[in-house]
Amino acid sequence: MSRFRNALFAAASTLFVFGIAPASAQNGAPPPTDVHTSGDWTVRCIHAQSTFCELGQVMVERTHNTKVASISISYIPKSDAYLGRFSVPLGVAFDQGLGLEFGSFRQAGLKYRLCERDGCYVTGLLPTQLLDAMKSMGSDKGAMDIQMIDGRKLQIPIVLNGFGDGLDLLKKWTVEKAGGAAPPAKK
């Protein structure tokens, strides 16, 4: 599992939120990449030793041009599931966890798994209800709710414009680039 996780995150590093570049990028030549923008979301596939695709969005504080938060989603064809990684600023209160709001979908208390110098992360398989809520909202905004250790509560907006189309493309590209057939549709 650790080997898979390291390969997964190393390949994704040049995309949105990770800090380690693949070996080919360290040698000066970036790996071939497919990129497509869908509204406020970007689908990227990096072709290194294997191909890794993800859908992501980075929330930036425009005054200082600083990353505030990010979301990256990858598709796992073998299990027809999606893996998500939500990044928030350092200084969050661990006991409160991360909250997500998308229309009537609410989930609170998601536990942070890791903090690095660029933020704290919640990772895990994404429930179908969450993805359905994000897709059904069209161009509306969702939010990540966090509480800082000093007690401040912050709501980080997530723009959903293009999310549904981006998620469909992520699945298509992941399956195509893995050289396999798409899993049967869930009933």
Foldseek 3Di string as FASTA:
>chain_A
DVVVVVVQLQQCQVPDDHPHHPPCVVVVHAFDKDWDDFFQKIWMWGPDVAIFIKIKHFDADPVVRHTAKMKIWAADQVVRWIKMKIWGAPQFDQQFAKWKFQPPDIDTNQGFDDADPGGTIRIDIDDPVVLVSLVVRAQDWMWMWTAGPVGDIDTHIDGSHRVVVSVVVNQVVVQVRVVHDGDDDDD
